[in-house]
Structures are given as structure tokens and as C-alpha cells.
C-alpha atoms as a PDB file:
ATOM      1  CA  UNK A   1     -43.163  91.208  22.222  1.00  0.00           C
ATOM      2  CA  UNK A   2     -40.191  88.856  22.163  1.00  0.00           C
ATOM      3  CA  UNK A   3     -39.439  86.371  24.897  1.00  0.00           C
ATOM      4  CA  UNK A   4     -36.089  87.277  26.447  1.00  0.00           C
ATOM      5  CA  UNK A   5     -34.052  84.454  27.933  1.00  0.00           C
ATOM      6  CA  UNK A   6     -30.920  85.250  29.888  1.00  0.00           C
ATOM      7  CA  UNK A   7     -28.502  82.425  30.570  1.00  0.00           C
ATOM      8  CA  UNK A   8     -25.974  82.675  33.386  1.00  0.00           C
ATOM      9  CA  UNK A   9     -23.222  80.145  32.953  1.00  0.00           C
ATOM     10  CA  UNK A  10     -21.936  77.917  35.729  1.00  0.00           C
ATOM     11  CA  UNK A  11     -18.525  79.557  35.483  1.00  0.00           C
ATOM     12  CA  UNK A  12     -20.063  83.018  36.024  1.00  0.00           C
ATOM     13  CA  UNK A  13     -22.075  81.732  39.009  1.00  0.00           C
ATOM     14  CA  UNK A  14     -18.930  80.290  40.593  1.00  0.00           C
ATOM     15  CA  UNK A  15     -17.039  83.528  39.979  1.00  0.00           C
ATOM     16  CA  UNK A  16     -19.752  85.630  41.608  1.00  0.00           C
ATOM     17  CA  UNK A  17     -20.004  83.249  44.570  1.00  0.00           C
ATOM     18  CA  UNK A  18     -16.229  83.384  44.996  1.00  0.00           C
ATOM     19  CA  UNK A  19     -16.243  87.191  44.945  1.00  0.00           C
ATOM     20  CA  UNK A  20     -19.087  87.318  47.475  1.00  0.00           C
ATOM     21  CA  UNK A  21     -17.293  84.729  49.626  1.00  0.00           C
ATOM     22  CA  UNK A  22     -14.172  86.885  49.675  1.00  0.00           C
ATOM     23  CA  UNK A  23     -16.298  89.902  50.632  1.00  0.00           C
ATOM     24  CA  UNK A  24     -17.911  87.909  53.465  1.00  0.00           C
ATOM     25  CA  UNK A  25     -14.548  86.710  54.786  1.00  0.00           C
ATOM     26  CA  UNK A  26     -13.191  90.266  54.626  1.00  0.00           C
ATOM     27  CA  UNK A  27     -16.190  91.577  56.589  1.00  0.00           C
ATOM     28  CA  UNK A  28     -15.854  88.761  59.144  1.00  0.00           C
ATOM     29  CA  UNK A  29     -12.140  89.503  59.596  1.00  0.00           C
ATOM     30  CA  UNK A  30     -12.991  93.165  60.057  1.00  0.00           C
ATOM     31  CA  UNK A  31     -15.424  92.111  62.801  1.00  0.00           C
ATOM     32  CA  UNK A  32     -12.710  90.030  64.485  1.00  0.00           C
ATOM     33  CA  UNK A  33     -10.265  92.946  64.297  1.00  0.00           C
ATOM     34  CA  UNK A  34     -12.829  95.265  65.851  1.00  0.00           C
ATOM     35  CA  UNK A  35     -13.485  92.750  68.666  1.00  0.00           C
ATOM     36  CA  UNK A  36      -9.760  92.676  69.421  1.00  0.00           C
ATOM     37  CA  UNK A  37      -9.316  96.450  69.092  1.00  0.00           C
ATOM     38  CA  UNK A  38     -12.240  97.371  71.344  1.00  0.00           C
ATOM     39  CA  UNK A  39     -11.782  94.485  73.767  1.00  0.00           C
ATOM     40  CA  UNK A  40     -15.354  93.204  73.577  1.00  0.00           C
ATOM     41  CA  UNK A  41     -16.571  89.655  74.141  1.00  0.00           C
ATOM     42  CA  UNK A  42     -15.892  86.954  71.557  1.00  0.00           C
ATOM     43  CA  UNK A  43     -19.555  85.993  71.366  1.00  0.00           C
ATOM     44  CA  UNK A  44     -20.011  89.100  69.223  1.00  0.00           C
ATOM     45  CA  UNK A  45     -18.272  87.241  66.403  1.00  0.00           C
ATOM     46  CA  UNK A  46     -21.490  85.241  66.027  1.00  0.00           C
ATOM     47  CA  UNK A  47     -24.124  87.601  67.389  1.00  0.00           C
ATOM     48  CA  UNK A  48     -23.165  90.288  64.884  1.00  0.00           C
ATOM     49  CA  UNK A  49     -23.394  88.042  61.804  1.00  0.00           C
ATOM     50  CA  UNK A  50     -26.312  90.053  60.406  1.00  0.00           C
ATOM     51  CA  UNK A  51     -24.116  93.178  60.372  1.00  0.00           C
ATOM     52  CA  UNK A  52     -21.290  91.160  58.856  1.00  0.00           C
ATOM     53  CA  UNK A  53     -23.686  90.059  56.103  1.00  0.00           C
ATOM     54  CA  UNK A  54     -24.760  93.671  55.499  1.00  0.00           C
ATOM     55  CA  UNK A  55     -21.141  94.787  55.340  1.00  0.00           C
ATOM     56  CA  UNK A  56     -20.261  91.980  52.944  1.00  0.00           C
ATOM     57  CA  UNK A  57     -23.143  93.040  50.659  1.00  0.00           C
ATOM     58  CA  UNK A  58     -21.771  96.595  50.761  1.00  0.00           C
ATOM     59  CA  UNK A  59     -18.283  95.300  49.885  1.00  0.00           C
ATOM     60  CA  UNK A  60     -19.796  93.286  47.016  1.00  0.00           C
ATOM     61  CA  UNK A  61     -21.601  96.394  45.736  1.00  0.00           C
ATOM     62  CA  UNK A  62     -18.346  98.377  45.822  1.00  0.00           C
ATOM     63  CA  UNK A  63     -16.548  95.573  43.988  1.00  0.00           C
ATOM     64  CA  UNK A  64     -19.374  95.438  41.441  1.00  0.00           C
ATOM     65  CA  UNK A  65     -19.103  99.190  40.876  1.00  0.00           C
ATOM     66  CA  UNK A  66     -15.376  98.941  40.135  1.00  0.00           C
ATOM     67  CA  UNK A  67     -15.874  95.893  37.901  1.00  0.00           C
ATOM     68  CA  UNK A  68     -18.525  97.748  35.861  1.00  0.00           C
ATOM     69  CA  UNK A  69     -16.286 100.822  35.699  1.00  0.00           C
ATOM     70  CA  UNK A  70     -13.394  98.662  34.440  1.00  0.00           C
ATOM     71  CA  UNK A  71     -15.675  97.057  31.841  1.00  0.00           C
ATOM     72  CA  UNK A  72     -16.861 100.461  30.620  1.00  0.00           C
ATOM     73  CA  UNK A  73     -13.325 101.833  30.365  1.00  0.00           C
ATOM     74  CA  UNK A  74     -12.188  98.758  28.427  1.00  0.00           C
ATOM     75  CA  UNK A  75     -15.107  99.074  26.024  1.00  0.00           C
ATOM     76  CA  UNK A  76     -14.659 102.805  25.467  1.00  0.00           C
ATOM     77  CA  UNK A  77     -10.976 102.536  24.682  1.00  0.00           C
ATOM     78  CA  UNK A  78     -11.418  99.300  22.738  1.00  0.00           C
ATOM     79  CA  UNK A  79      -8.937  97.212  24.727  1.00  0.00           C
ATOM     80  CA  UNK A  80      -9.335  93.480  24.954  1.00  0.00           C
ATOM     81  CA  UNK A  81      -9.531  91.954  28.429  1.00  0.00           C
END
């Protein structure tokens, strides 16, 4: 059995962190909008951070799905990125 080493470059790590950061900010802004829309207390901006984290993970998964779909379409049709 061969030893399989996978290397993730620093550039790829930064890209993934940036994408997740954007997802987190989007989820946090959605929380702020819902606080304003429903007229709840502002302390919910911090007490609901676990739900914001869950929502940002969901946004990241959706973004990952579309990125994989784009990659597959590019590879099937032979286009360069």
C-alpha cells in the first residue's frame, strides 16, 4: 500500500478562509437584518452566534457545491479556467 500525501498550499488555505469569512459575514448581516425586521433586542447579535456559525457553514457548503459543479462542467467541456 502506498503512502498518500496531500499538500494544501498556503494560497488555497487563504482562499478557503476568505470564502468562509465572506459566508460568515453574510450570515451575520442576515442576523442583523432579521433583528431589525422583527424588532428584537440587539443582544441577539451575540447570543445567536452559534446559529450564525451554522448558517455560515451551510452557505459555505452551498458555495462548495457550486464550485464543484463549475469545476465538473469545465472539465467535461474541456474549457480552461
